[in-house]
Amino acid sequence: MDSFRALVVDKADSDTRLSLEEWTPERLPAGDVTIRVAYSSVNYKDGLAVRADGRVVRNYPLIPGIDLAGTVVESTDARYQPGQAVVVHGYDLGVAHHGGYAEYARVPGDWVVPLPTGLTPRQAMAIGTAGFTAALSVERLEHMGLQPGKGTVLVTGASGGVGSTAVALLAARGYTVAASTGSADAHDYLRELGASEIVDRAETTAESDRPLERTRWAGAVDAVGGPTLAYLLRTTAYGGSIAISGNAGGAAVSTTVFPFILRGVNVLGIDSVLMPLNQRVALWQRLATDLRPPRLEESIAQEIPLEETPKALEAIHRGAVRGRTIVRVGG
């Protein structure tokens, strides 16, 4: 490994510049495990990382990519051996620590998850951070009592990475799923994934002066936040839960105490960034077995080479990416 390709974002005055560069191993950060990266993926946070106003990157220059899958080439951590297939995501990867958009990465051993039997590196990145977040949302909702047959589950931001995976997961587990989207051309795609009802985004973002409305949803997976979360609070059934993981629709939420004290609605914050390693490993095992998204590579994911990643990053920030985008880094 004399040199390797890396997609690098750097700050220039008040703007950012993204370029494909040749790096040497000495430029990688300190860490216990060096990985030859096979695949990464495109997540909303990656789209923010390359923007001057994204507010997620803590130091420049930086190799973005908040997840990766590949093979260990060097390790000082006895848990990981050369040749072992692994997955890394979360923590500071791709925001303060060089990430997955490079042919090599070096990370702390406590960030590394052994690739579960039954998943290839490509399949792991078809899931990626967004798919992992969707699975964590479903797991938490079921822990709070959600079961098939209790009513319809609404997924917001349904054509995105978290949303599309959540629709497919819930439908495969026997739930009746409604999908909320503002993309009219995504309706057929979402029905293919298992949605039985399409809810226009205009409905879920509309203002209301009513603290509570007619109950419609047994639970929800919300990747949007803002007015959409306020709508869900007004319309979720008694004792229902909302798993929220994003703020693409805004960080501020206008609500009252009534959904909580009159209907017992629960809001479940979903964070995969600092999730403890043992829990992370356990959920990846489920993603390889009972929580594996159906038709993962056929319906949910598309693949691009590293060179085309800048276009995909720009598109995901505009909300123009459907499902999951895999980045082929080292093949």
C-alpha atoms as a PDB file:
ATOM      1  CA  MET A   1       0.000   0.000   0.000  1.00  0.00           C
ATOM      2  CA  ASP A   2       2.147   2.849  -1.290  1.00  0.00           C
ATOM      3  CA  SER A   3      -0.840   5.064  -2.068  1.00  0.00           C
ATOM      4  CA  PHE A   4      -4.610   4.855  -2.349  1.00  0.00           C
ATOM      5  CA  ARG A   5      -7.552   6.837  -3.706  1.00  0.00           C
ATOM      6  CA  ALA A   6      -9.559   9.019  -1.330  1.00  0.00           C
ATOM      7  CA  LEU A   7     -12.466  11.379  -1.828  1.00  0.00           C
ATOM      8  CA  VAL A   8     -11.579  14.414   0.283  1.00  0.00           C
ATOM      9  CA  VAL A   9     -13.571  17.457   1.389  1.00  0.00           C
ATOM     10  CA  ASP A  10     -11.637  20.592   2.336  1.00  0.00           C
ATOM     11  CA  LYS A  11     -12.655  24.056   3.462  1.00  0.00           C
ATOM     12  CA  ALA A  12     -11.732  27.032   1.265  1.00  0.00           C
ATOM     13  CA  ASP A  13     -12.732  30.361   2.821  1.00  0.00           C
ATOM     14  CA  SER A  14     -16.506  30.080   3.304  1.00  0.00           C
ATOM     15  CA  ASP A  15     -16.995  27.207   0.861  1.00  0.00           C
ATOM     16  CA  THR A  16     -15.993  23.537   0.585  1.00  0.00           C
ATOM     17  CA  ARG A  17     -14.188  21.641  -2.158  1.00  0.00           C
ATOM     18  CA  LEU A  18     -14.582  17.911  -2.867  1.00  0.00           C
ATOM     19  CA  SER A  19     -11.885  16.124  -4.861  1.00  0.00           C
ATOM     20  CA  LEU A  20     -10.516  12.652  -5.579  1.00  0.00           C
ATOM     21  CA  GLU A  21      -6.922  12.500  -4.357  1.00  0.00           C
ATOM     22  CA  GLU A  22      -4.006  10.081  -3.962  1.00  0.00           C
ATOM     23  CA  TRP A  23      -3.069   9.637  -0.318  1.00  0.00           C
ATOM     24  CA  THR A  24      -0.325   7.704   1.455  1.00  0.00           C
ATOM     25  CA  PRO A  25      -0.893   5.487   4.521  1.00  0.00           C
ATOM     26  CA  GLU A  26       0.928   7.971   6.757  1.00  0.00           C
ATOM     27  CA  ARG A  27      -1.976  10.383   6.377  1.00  0.00           C
ATOM     28  CA  LEU A  28      -4.438   7.987   7.977  1.00  0.00           C
ATOM     29  CA  PRO A  29      -5.253   8.651  11.640  1.00  0.00           C
ATOM     30  CA  ALA A  30      -4.040   6.541  14.523  1.00  0.00           C
ATOM     31  CA  GLY A  31      -6.059   3.395  15.184  1.00  0.00           C
ATOM     32  CA  ASP A  32      -5.898  -0.288  16.037  1.00  0.00           C
ATOM     33  CA  VAL A  33      -7.347  -1.727  12.826  1.00  0.00           C
ATOM     34  CA  THR A  34      -6.477  -0.920   9.206  1.00  0.00           C
ATOM     35  CA  ILE A  35      -9.139  -1.941   6.694  1.00  0.00           C
ATOM     36  CA  ARG A  36      -9.143  -2.269   2.933  1.00  0.00           C
ATOM     37  CA  VAL A  37     -12.512  -0.729   2.128  1.00  0.00           C
ATOM     38  CA  ALA A  38     -14.678  -2.577  -0.375  1.00  0.00           C
ATOM     39  CA  TYR A  39     -17.905  -0.551  -0.089  1.00  0.00           C
ATOM     40  CA  SER A  40     -19.358   2.467   1.634  1.00  0.00           C
ATOM     41  CA  SER A  41     -22.756   4.111   1.124  1.00  0.00           C
ATOM     42  CA  VAL A  42     -24.484   7.473   0.773  1.00  0.00           C
ATOM     43  CA  ASN A  43     -26.371   8.766   3.803  1.00  0.00           C
ATOM     44  CA  TYR A  44     -28.035  12.111   4.480  1.00  0.00           C
ATOM     45  CA  LYS A  45     -25.281  12.963   6.960  1.00  0.00           C
ATOM     46  CA  ASP A  46     -22.696  12.405   4.222  1.00  0.00           C
ATOM     47  CA  GLY A  47     -24.547  14.972   2.116  1.00  0.00           C
ATOM     48  CA  LEU A  48     -24.242  17.447   4.988  1.00  0.00           C
ATOM     49  CA  ALA A  49     -20.545  16.656   5.465  1.00  0.00           C
ATOM     50  CA  VAL A  50     -19.554  18.035   2.069  1.00  0.00           C
ATOM     51  CA  ARG A  51     -21.522  21.281   2.425  1.00  0.00           C
ATOM     52  CA  ALA A  52     -20.105  24.436   3.948  1.00  0.00           C
ATOM     53  CA  ASP A  53     -23.351  24.892   5.907  1.00  0.00           C
ATOM     54  CA  GLY A  54     -23.683  21.219   6.881  1.00  0.00           C
ATOM     55  CA  ARG A  55     -22.363  21.720  10.426  1.00  0.00           C
ATOM     56  CA  VAL A  56     -21.320  18.111  10.964  1.00  0.00           C
ATOM     57  CA  VAL A  57     -17.609  18.114  10.026  1.00  0.00           C
ATOM     58  CA  ARG A  58     -15.290  19.048  12.876  1.00  0.00           C
ATOM     59  CA  ASN A  59     -11.946  19.248  11.056  1.00  0.00           C
ATOM     60  CA  TYR A  60     -10.597  19.598   7.503  1.00  0.00           C
ATOM     61  CA  PRO A  61      -9.360  18.086   5.253  1.00  0.00           C
ATOM     62  CA  LEU A  62     -11.595  15.058   5.801  1.00  0.00           C
ATOM     63  CA  ILE A  63     -12.442  11.828   4.006  1.00  0.00           C
ATOM     64  CA  PRO A  64     -16.257  11.601   4.364  1.00  0.00           C
ATOM     65  CA  GLY A  65     -18.267   8.390   4.529  1.00  0.00           C
ATOM     66  CA  ILE A  66     -19.973   7.528   7.813  1.00  0.00           C
ATOM     67  CA  ASP A  67     -19.936   3.782   7.140  1.00  0.00           C
ATOM     68  CA  LEU A  68     -17.775   1.169   5.448  1.00  0.00           C
ATOM     69  CA  ALA A  69     -17.370  -2.556   4.932  1.00  0.00           C
ATOM     70  CA  GLY A  70     -14.170  -4.310   3.991  1.00  0.00           C
ATOM     71  CA  THR A  71     -11.338  -6.574   5.076  1.00  0.00           C
ATOM     72  CA  VAL A  72      -8.785  -6.170   7.870  1.00  0.00           C
ATOM     73  CA  VAL A  73      -5.218  -5.838   6.564  1.00  0.00           C
ATOM     74  CA  GLU A  74      -3.445  -4.928   9.830  1.00  0.00           C
ATOM     75  CA  SER A  75      -4.529  -5.094  13.451  1.00  0.00           C
ATOM     76  CA  THR A  76      -3.026  -4.543  16.888  1.00  0.00           C
ATOM     77  CA  ASP A  77      -6.361  -5.522  18.448  1.00  0.00           C
ATOM     78  CA  ALA A  78      -6.470  -9.259  19.187  1.00  0.00           C
ATOM     79  CA  ARG A  79     -10.204  -9.384  18.367  1.00  0.00           C
ATOM     80  CA  TYR A  80      -9.539  -8.755  14.685  1.00  0.00           C
ATOM     81  CA  GLN A  81      -7.247 -10.629  12.325  1.00  0.00           C
ATOM     82  CA  PRO A  82      -5.972  -9.881   8.796  1.00  0.00           C
ATOM     83  CA  GLY A  83      -8.411 -11.230   6.230  1.00  0.00           C
ATOM     84  CA  GLN A  84     -11.449 -10.807   8.499  1.00  0.00           C
ATOM     85  CA  ALA A  85     -14.502  -9.089   6.984  1.00  0.00           C
ATOM     86  CA  VAL A  86     -15.800  -6.204   9.113  1.00  0.00           C
ATOM     87  CA  VAL A  87     -18.256  -3.282   9.216  1.00  0.00           C
ATOM     88  CA  VAL A  88     -17.666   0.154  10.761  1.00  0.00           C
ATOM     89  CA  HIS A  89     -20.167   2.982  11.197  1.00  0.00           C
ATOM     90  CA  GLY A  90     -21.040   5.721  13.653  1.00  0.00           C
ATOM     91  CA  TYR A  91     -18.819   7.271  16.298  1.00  0.00           C
ATOM     92  CA  ASP A  92     -16.652   9.990  14.650  1.00  0.00           C
ATOM     93  CA  LEU A  93     -16.317   8.194  11.315  1.00  0.00           C
ATOM     94  CA  GLY A  94     -16.706  10.582   8.397  1.00  0.00           C
ATOM     95  CA  VAL A  95     -17.172  13.682  10.569  1.00  0.00           C
ATOM     96  CA  ALA A  96     -14.035  13.999  12.741  1.00  0.00           C
ATOM     97  CA  HIS A  97     -12.176  10.827  11.690  1.00  0.00           C
ATOM     98  CA  HIS A  98     -11.402   9.852   8.092  1.00  0.00           C
ATOM     99  CA  GLY A  99     -14.234   7.706   6.792  1.00  0.00           C
ATOM    100  CA  GLY A 100     -15.316   5.224   4.163  1.00  0.00           C
ATOM    101  CA  TYR A 101     -14.799   7.121   0.903  1.00  0.00           C
ATOM    102  CA  ALA A 102     -11.222   5.865   0.541  1.00  0.00           C
ATOM    103  CA  GLU A 103      -9.621   2.553  -0.378  1.00  0.00           C
ATOM    104  CA  TYR A 104      -8.152   2.251   3.135  1.00  0.00           C
ATOM    105  CA  ALA A 105      -9.306   3.293   6.597  1.00  0.00           C
ATOM    106  CA  ARG A 106      -7.757   3.039  10.058  1.00  0.00           C
ATOM    107  CA  VAL A 107     -10.045   3.035  13.105  1.00  0.00           C
ATOM    108  CA  PRO A 108     -10.134   2.171  16.822  1.00  0.00           C
ATOM    109  CA  GLY A 109     -10.871  -1.493  17.526  1.00  0.00           C
ATOM    110  CA  ASP A 110     -13.907  -0.566  19.613  1.00  0.00           C
ATOM    111  CA  TRP A 111     -15.604   0.767  16.469  1.00  0.00           C
ATOM    112  CA  VAL A 112     -15.323  -2.479  14.522  1.00  0.00           C
ATOM    113  CA  VAL A 113     -18.123  -5.022  14.055  1.00  0.00           C
ATOM    114  CA  PRO A 114     -17.354  -8.482  12.599  1.00  0.00           C
ATOM    115  CA  LEU A 115     -19.377  -8.957   9.414  1.00  0.00           C
ATOM    116  CA  PRO A 116     -22.127 -11.431  10.321  1.00  0.00           C
ATOM    117  CA  THR A 117     -22.351 -14.746   8.509  1.00  0.00           C
ATOM    118  CA  GLY A 118     -24.904 -14.421   5.760  1.00  0.00           C
ATOM    119  CA  LEU A 119     -23.999 -10.882   4.693  1.00  0.00           C
ATOM    120  CA  THR A 120     -21.421  -9.834   2.104  1.00  0.00           C
ATOM    121  CA  PRO A 121     -19.668  -6.458   2.409  1.00  0.00           C
ATOM    122  CA  ARG A 122     -21.830  -5.186  -0.451  1.00  0.00           C
ATOM    123  CA  GLN A 123     -25.031  -6.310   1.278  1.00  0.00           C
ATOM    124  CA  ALA A 124     -23.854  -4.746   4.537  1.00  0.00           C
ATOM    125  CA  MET A 125     -23.529  -1.385   2.803  1.00  0.00           C
ATOM    126  CA  ALA A 126     -26.853  -1.848   1.038  1.00  0.00           C
ATOM    127  CA  ILE A 127     -28.081  -1.733   4.637  1.00  0.00           C
ATOM    128  CA  GLY A 128     -25.521   0.810   5.849  1.00  0.00           C
ATOM    129  CA  THR A 129     -26.143   3.438   8.485  1.00  0.00           C
ATOM    130  CA  ALA A 130     -29.615   4.262   7.167  1.00  0.00           C
ATOM    131  CA  GLY A 131     -30.738   0.636   7.091  1.00  0.00           C
ATOM    132  CA  PHE A 132     -29.235   0.004  10.520  1.00  0.00           C
ATOM    133  CA  THR A 133     -31.184   3.010  11.825  1.00  0.00           C
ATOM    134  CA  ALA A 134     -34.394   1.650  10.298  1.00  0.00           C
ATOM    135  CA  ALA A 135     -33.828  -1.745  11.926  1.00  0.00           C
ATOM    136  CA  LEU A 136     -33.077  -0.110  15.273  1.00  0.00           C
ATOM    137  CA  SER A 137     -36.323   1.863  14.948  1.00  0.00           C
ATOM    138  CA  VAL A 138     -38.337  -1.311  14.332  1.00  0.00           C
ATOM    139  CA  GLU A 139     -36.600  -3.105  17.194  1.00  0.00           C
ATOM    140  CA  ARG A 140     -37.382  -0.279  19.637  1.00  0.00           C
ATOM    141  CA  LEU A 141     -40.997   0.004  18.487  1.00  0.00           C
ATOM    142  CA  GLU A 142     -41.525  -3.727  19.030  1.00  0.00           C
ATOM    143  CA  HIS A 143     -39.844  -3.489  22.431  1.00  0.00           C
ATOM    144  CA  MET A 144     -42.521  -0.896  23.301  1.00  0.00           C
ATOM    145  CA  GLY A 145     -45.285  -3.320  22.335  1.00  0.00           C
ATOM    146  CA  LEU A 146     -45.931  -2.732  18.648  1.00  0.00           C
ATOM    147  CA  GLN A 147     -47.219  -5.879  16.958  1.00  0.00           C
ATOM    148  CA  PRO A 148     -48.756  -6.744  13.582  1.00  0.00           C
ATOM    149  CA  GLY A 149     -52.525  -6.470  13.673  1.00  0.00           C
ATOM    150  CA  LYS A 150     -52.596  -3.536  16.090  1.00  0.00           C
ATOM    151  CA  GLY A 151     -53.111  -0.989  13.334  1.00  0.00           C
ATOM    152  CA  THR A 152     -51.279   0.806  10.564  1.00  0.00           C
ATOM    153  CA  VAL A 153     -47.677   1.949  11.008  1.00  0.00           C
ATOM    154  CA  LEU A 154     -46.705   5.168   9.219  1.00  0.00           C
ATOM    155  CA  VAL A 155     -43.203   5.646   7.792  1.00  0.00           C
ATOM    156  CA  THR A 156     -42.273   9.240   6.942  1.00  0.00           C
ATOM    157  CA  GLY A 157     -39.586  10.243   4.477  1.00  0.00           C
ATOM    158  CA  ALA A 158     -40.448   6.865   3.030  1.00  0.00           C
ATOM    159  CA  SER A 159     -38.516   7.049  -0.242  1.00  0.00           C
ATOM    160  CA  GLY A 160     -35.210   7.813   1.519  1.00  0.00           C
ATOM    161  CA  GLY A 161     -32.709   5.334   2.920  1.00  0.00           C
ATOM    162  CA  VAL A 162     -34.161   4.975   6.431  1.00  0.00           C
ATOM    163  CA  GLY A 163     -37.743   5.162   5.191  1.00  0.00           C
ATOM    164  CA  SER A 164     -37.505   2.673   2.334  1.00  0.00           C
ATOM    165  CA  THR A 165     -35.741   0.101   4.495  1.00  0.00           C
ATOM    166  CA  ALA A 166     -38.294   0.598   7.280  1.00  0.00           C
ATOM    167  CA  VAL A 167     -41.190   0.096   4.842  1.00  0.00           C
ATOM    168  CA  ALA A 168     -39.659  -3.152   3.562  1.00  0.00           C
ATOM    169  CA  LEU A 169     -38.823  -4.427   7.065  1.00  0.00           C
ATOM    170  CA  LEU A 170     -42.232  -3.686   8.539  1.00  0.00           C
ATOM    171  CA  ALA A 171     -44.139  -5.156   5.595  1.00  0.00           C
ATOM    172  CA  ALA A 172     -42.027  -8.323   5.717  1.00  0.00           C
ATOM    173  CA  ARG A 173     -42.851  -8.681   9.421  1.00  0.00           C
ATOM    174  CA  GLY A 174     -46.579  -8.589   8.747  1.00  0.00           C
ATOM    175  CA  TYR A 175     -47.421  -4.962   9.506  1.00  0.00           C
ATOM    176  CA  THR A 176     -49.845  -2.838   7.545  1.00  0.00           C
ATOM    177  CA  VAL A 177     -47.628   0.014   6.366  1.00  0.00           C
ATOM    178  CA  ALA A 178     -48.475   3.515   5.201  1.00  0.00           C
ATOM    179  CA  ALA A 179     -45.707   5.473   3.479  1.00  0.00           C
ATOM    180  CA  SER A 180     -45.499   9.263   3.527  1.00  0.00           C
ATOM    181  CA  THR A 181     -43.635  10.952   0.671  1.00  0.00           C
ATOM    182  CA  GLY A 182     -43.618  14.155  -1.313  1.00  0.00           C
ATOM    183  CA  SER A 183     -42.406  12.361  -4.450  1.00  0.00           C
ATOM    184  CA  ALA A 184     -45.282  11.415  -6.714  1.00  0.00           C
ATOM    185  CA  ASP A 185     -43.018   9.186  -8.815  1.00  0.00           C
ATOM    186  CA  ALA A 186     -42.103   7.108  -5.736  1.00  0.00           C
ATOM    187  CA  HIS A 187     -45.591   5.665  -5.178  1.00  0.00           C
ATOM    188  CA  ASP A 188     -45.088   2.511  -7.253  1.00  0.00           C
ATOM    189  CA  TYR A 189     -41.654   1.955  -5.687  1.00  0.00           C
ATOM    190  CA  LEU A 190     -43.085   2.172  -2.162  1.00  0.00           C
ATOM    191  CA  ARG A 191     -45.948  -0.172  -2.965  1.00  0.00           C
ATOM    192  CA  GLU A 192     -43.385  -2.623  -4.365  1.00  0.00           C
ATOM    193  CA  LEU A 193     -41.587  -2.476  -1.011  1.00  0.00           C
ATOM    194  CA  GLY A 194     -44.828  -3.333   0.805  1.00  0.00           C
ATOM    195  CA  ALA A 195     -46.686  -0.089   1.521  1.00  0.00           C
ATOM    196  CA  SER A 196     -50.459  -0.519   1.322  1.00  0.00           C
ATOM    197  CA  GLU A 197     -51.227   3.203   1.582  1.00  0.00           C
ATOM    198  CA  ILE A 198     -49.499   6.380   0.391  1.00  0.00           C
ATOM    199  CA  VAL A 199     -49.864   9.564   2.444  1.00  0.00           C
ATOM    200  CA  ASP A 200     -48.926  12.841   0.777  1.00  0.00           C
ATOM    201  CA  ARG A 201     -46.246  14.829   2.556  1.00  0.00           C
ATOM    202  CA  ALA A 202     -48.517  17.881   2.383  1.00  0.00           C
ATOM    203  CA  GLU A 203     -50.836  16.172   4.859  1.00  0.00           C
ATOM    204  CA  THR A 204     -48.113  15.301   7.368  1.00  0.00           C
ATOM    205  CA  THR A 205     -46.579  18.802   7.294  1.00  0.00           C
ATOM    206  CA  ALA A 206     -49.803  20.842   7.367  1.00  0.00           C
ATOM    207  CA  GLU A 207     -50.235  23.249  10.266  1.00  0.00           C
ATOM    208  CA  SER A 208     -53.000  22.593  12.772  1.00  0.00           C
ATOM    209  CA  ASP A 209     -54.367  24.471  15.766  1.00  0.00           C
ATOM    210  CA  ARG A 210     -55.741  21.253  17.256  1.00  0.00           C
ATOM    211  CA  PRO A 211     -53.644  19.640  20.006  1.00  0.00           C
ATOM    212  CA  LEU A 212     -55.102  16.207  19.181  1.00  0.00           C
ATOM    213  CA  GLU A 213     -56.701  14.788  16.042  1.00  0.00           C
ATOM    214  CA  ARG A 214     -58.366  11.530  15.072  1.00  0.00           C
ATOM    215  CA  THR A 215     -56.020   8.651  15.850  1.00  0.00           C
ATOM    216  CA  ARG A 216     -54.685   6.946  12.732  1.00  0.00           C
ATOM    217  CA  TRP A 217     -51.381   5.256  13.505  1.00  0.00           C
ATOM    218  CA  ALA A 218     -50.439   2.395  15.823  1.00  0.00           C
ATOM    219  CA  GLY A 219     -46.845   3.610  15.592  1.00  0.00           C
ATOM    220  CA  ALA A 220     -44.457   5.421  13.295  1.00  0.00           C
ATOM    221  CA  VAL A 221     -40.912   5.535  11.980  1.00  0.00           C
ATOM    222  CA  ASP A 222     -40.043   9.205  11.468  1.00  0.00           C
ATOM    223  CA  ALA A 223     -36.903  10.270   9.595  1.00  0.00           C
ATOM    224  CA  VAL A 224     -38.181  13.821   9.048  1.00  0.00           C
ATOM    225  CA  GLY A 225     -38.932  15.632  12.319  1.00  0.00           C
ATOM    226  CA  GLY A 226     -40.237  19.201  12.447  1.00  0.00           C
ATOM    227  CA  PRO A 227     -43.949  19.623  11.556  1.00  0.00           C
ATOM    228  CA  THR A 228     -44.125  15.939  10.607  1.00  0.00           C
ATOM    229  CA  LEU A 229     -43.322  14.871  14.167  1.00  0.00           C
ATOM    230  CA  ALA A 230     -45.934  17.326  15.448  1.00  0.00           C
ATOM    231  CA  TYR A 231     -48.492  15.699  13.106  1.00  0.00           C
ATOM    232  CA  LEU A 232     -47.557  12.228  14.345  1.00  0.00           C
ATOM    233  CA  LEU A 233     -47.961  13.306  17.955  1.00  0.00           C
ATOM    234  CA  ARG A 234     -51.482  14.544  17.197  1.00  0.00           C
ATOM    235  CA  THR A 235     -52.547  11.397  15.321  1.00  0.00           C
ATOM    236  CA  THR A 236     -50.825   8.415  16.983  1.00  0.00           C
ATOM    237  CA  ALA A 237     -53.107   6.044  18.868  1.00  0.00           C
ATOM    238  CA  TYR A 238     -53.249   5.597  22.615  1.00  0.00           C
ATOM    239  CA  GLY A 239     -50.021   4.048  23.933  1.00  0.00           C
ATOM    240  CA  GLY A 240     -48.379   4.177  20.506  1.00  0.00           C
ATOM    241  CA  SER A 241     -44.746   5.022  19.893  1.00  0.00           C
ATOM    242  CA  ILE A 242     -42.869   7.152  17.364  1.00  0.00           C
ATOM    243  CA  ALA A 243     -39.254   6.247  16.568  1.00  0.00           C
ATOM    244  CA  ILE A 244     -37.527   9.406  15.355  1.00  0.00           C
ATOM    245  CA  SER A 245     -34.083   9.516  13.790  1.00  0.00           C
ATOM    246  CA  GLY A 246     -33.888  12.598  11.570  1.00  0.00           C
ATOM    247  CA  ASN A 247     -34.533  16.306  11.197  1.00  0.00           C
ATOM    248  CA  ALA A 248     -34.602  16.815   7.428  1.00  0.00           C
ATOM    249  CA  GLY A 249     -37.934  18.588   7.904  1.00  0.00           C
ATOM    250  CA  GLY A 250     -36.621  20.849  10.669  1.00  0.00           C
ATOM    251  CA  ALA A 251     -35.362  20.641  14.231  1.00  0.00           C
ATOM    252  CA  ALA A 252     -38.124  22.629  15.939  1.00  0.00           C
ATOM    253  CA  VAL A 253     -41.361  20.864  16.935  1.00  0.00           C
ATOM    254  CA  SER A 254     -44.554  22.688  17.920  1.00  0.00           C
ATOM    255  CA  THR A 255     -46.720  20.518  20.165  1.00  0.00           C
ATOM    256  CA  THR A 256     -48.538  20.357  23.490  1.00  0.00           C
ATOM    257  CA  VAL A 257     -48.391  18.022  26.451  1.00  0.00           C
ATOM    258  CA  PHE A 258     -51.728  16.434  25.506  1.00  0.00           C
ATOM    259  CA  PRO A 259     -50.448  13.571  23.300  1.00  0.00           C
ATOM    260  CA  PHE A 260     -48.310  12.473  26.235  1.00  0.00           C
ATOM    261  CA  ILE A 261     -50.693  12.914  29.168  1.00  0.00           C
ATOM    262  CA  LEU A 262     -53.999  12.056  27.447  1.00  0.00           C
ATOM    263  CA  ARG A 263     -52.890   9.334  25.028  1.00  0.00           C
ATOM    264  CA  GLY A 264     -49.640   8.094  26.537  1.00  0.00           C
ATOM    265  CA  VAL A 265     -47.747   8.541  23.273  1.00  0.00           C
ATOM    266  CA  ASN A 266     -44.034   7.677  23.437  1.00  0.00           C
ATOM    267  CA  VAL A 267     -41.253   9.358  21.443  1.00  0.00           C
ATOM    268  CA  LEU A 268     -38.256   7.077  20.994  1.00  0.00           C
ATOM    269  CA  GLY A 269     -35.014   8.833  20.083  1.00  0.00           C
ATOM    270  CA  ILE A 270     -33.037   6.618  17.685  1.00  0.00           C
ATOM    271  CA  ASP A 271     -29.270   7.164  17.711  1.00  0.00           C
ATOM    272  CA  SER A 272     -26.895   4.671  16.136  1.00  0.00           C
ATOM    273  CA  VAL A 273     -23.815   6.903  16.400  1.00  0.00           C
ATOM    274  CA  LEU A 274     -22.822   6.124  19.990  1.00  0.00           C
ATOM    275  CA  MET A 275     -24.674   2.823  20.374  1.00  0.00           C
ATOM    276  CA  PRO A 276     -22.566   0.473  22.574  1.00  0.00           C
ATOM    277  CA  LEU A 277     -20.550  -2.088  20.611  1.00  0.00           C
ATOM    278  CA  ASN A 278     -22.227  -5.170  22.106  1.00  0.00           C
ATOM    279  CA  GLN A 279     -25.680  -3.867  21.140  1.00  0.00           C
ATOM    280  CA  ARG A 280     -24.379  -2.901  17.700  1.00  0.00           C
ATOM    281  CA  VAL A 281     -23.026  -6.419  17.119  1.00  0.00           C
ATOM    282  CA  ALA A 282     -26.313  -7.971  18.257  1.00  0.00           C
ATOM    283  CA  LEU A 283     -28.395  -5.842  15.890  1.00  0.00           C
ATOM    284  CA  TRP A 284     -26.092  -6.653  12.946  1.00  0.00           C
ATOM    285  CA  GLN A 285     -26.682 -10.318  13.726  1.00  0.00           C
ATOM    286  CA  ARG A 286     -30.416  -9.675  13.459  1.00  0.00           C
ATOM    287  CA  LEU A 287     -29.906  -7.791  10.197  1.00  0.00           C
ATOM    288  CA  ALA A 288     -28.332 -10.962   8.819  1.00  0.00           C
ATOM    289  CA  THR A 289     -31.260 -13.093  10.029  1.00  0.00           C
ATOM    290  CA  ASP A 290     -34.767 -12.127  11.182  1.00  0.00           C
ATOM    291  CA  LEU A 291     -34.424  -8.370  10.499  1.00  0.00           C
ATOM    292  CA  ARG A 292     -32.787  -8.766   7.095  1.00  0.00           C
ATOM    293  CA  PRO A 293     -34.561  -6.436   4.645  1.00  0.00           C
ATOM    294  CA  PRO A 294     -36.219  -8.400   1.831  1.00  0.00           C
ATOM    295  CA  ARG A 295     -34.999  -7.883  -1.752  1.00  0.00           C
ATOM    296  CA  LEU A 296     -32.209  -5.767  -0.310  1.00  0.00           C
ATOM    297  CA  GLU A 297     -30.060  -5.488  -3.419  1.00  0.00           C
ATOM    298  CA  GLU A 298     -32.846  -5.826  -5.981  1.00  0.00           C
ATOM    299  CA  SER A 299     -35.313  -3.183  -4.779  1.00  0.00           C
ATOM    300  CA  ILE A 300     -33.719  -0.945  -2.168  1.00  0.00           C
ATOM    301  CA  ALA A 301     -30.133  -0.388  -3.296  1.00  0.00           C
ATOM    302  CA  GLN A 302     -28.258   0.893  -6.340  1.00  0.00           C
ATOM    303  CA  GLU A 303     -24.483   0.925  -6.836  1.00  0.00           C
ATOM    304  CA  ILE A 304     -22.147   3.683  -8.016  1.00  0.00           C
ATOM    305  CA  PRO A 305     -18.329   3.901  -8.278  1.00  0.00           C
ATOM    306  CA  LEU A 306     -16.391   6.215  -5.960  1.00  0.00           C
ATOM    307  CA  GLU A 307     -15.963   8.731  -8.792  1.00  0.00           C
ATOM    308  CA  GLU A 308     -19.723   9.318  -8.991  1.00  0.00           C
ATOM    309  CA  THR A 309     -20.191   9.891  -5.269  1.00  0.00           C
ATOM    310  CA  PRO A 310     -20.128  13.732  -5.399  1.00  0.00           C
ATOM    311  CA  LYS A 311     -23.258  13.764  -7.588  1.00  0.00           C
ATOM    312  CA  ALA A 312     -25.028  11.361  -5.233  1.00  0.00           C
ATOM    313  CA  LEU A 313     -24.084  13.495  -2.213  1.00  0.00           C
ATOM    314  CA  GLU A 314     -25.559  16.568  -3.836  1.00  0.00           C
ATOM    315  CA  ALA A 315     -28.706  14.656  -4.787  1.00  0.00           C
ATOM    316  CA  ILE A 316     -29.323  13.191  -1.343  1.00  0.00           C
ATOM    317  CA  HIS A 317     -29.203  16.629   0.229  1.00  0.00           C
ATOM    318  CA  ARG A 318     -31.941  17.709  -2.216  1.00  0.00           C
ATOM    319  CA  GLY A 319     -34.024  14.664  -1.334  1.00  0.00           C
ATOM    320  CA  ALA A 320     -33.597  13.331  -4.873  1.00  0.00           C
ATOM    321  CA  VAL A 321     -32.159   9.908  -3.972  1.00  0.00           C
ATOM    322  CA  ARG A 322     -34.492   6.912  -3.754  1.00  0.00           C
ATOM    323  CA  GLY A 323     -33.640   4.078  -1.378  1.00  0.00           C
ATOM    324  CA  ARG A 324     -30.005   3.251  -0.675  1.00  0.00           C
ATOM    325  CA  THR A 325     -26.920   4.089  -2.753  1.00  0.00           C
ATOM    326  CA  ILE A 326     -23.895   1.787  -2.385  1.00  0.00           C
ATOM    327  CA  VAL A 327     -20.456   3.247  -3.139  1.00  0.00           C
ATOM    328  CA  ARG A 328     -18.024   0.786  -4.721  1.00  0.00           C
ATOM    329  CA  VAL A 329     -14.687   1.859  -3.293  1.00  0.00           C
ATOM    330  CA  GLY A 330     -12.267  -1.032  -3.683  1.00  0.00           C
ATOM    331  CA  GLY A 331     -14.530  -3.642  -5.314  1.00  0.00           C
END
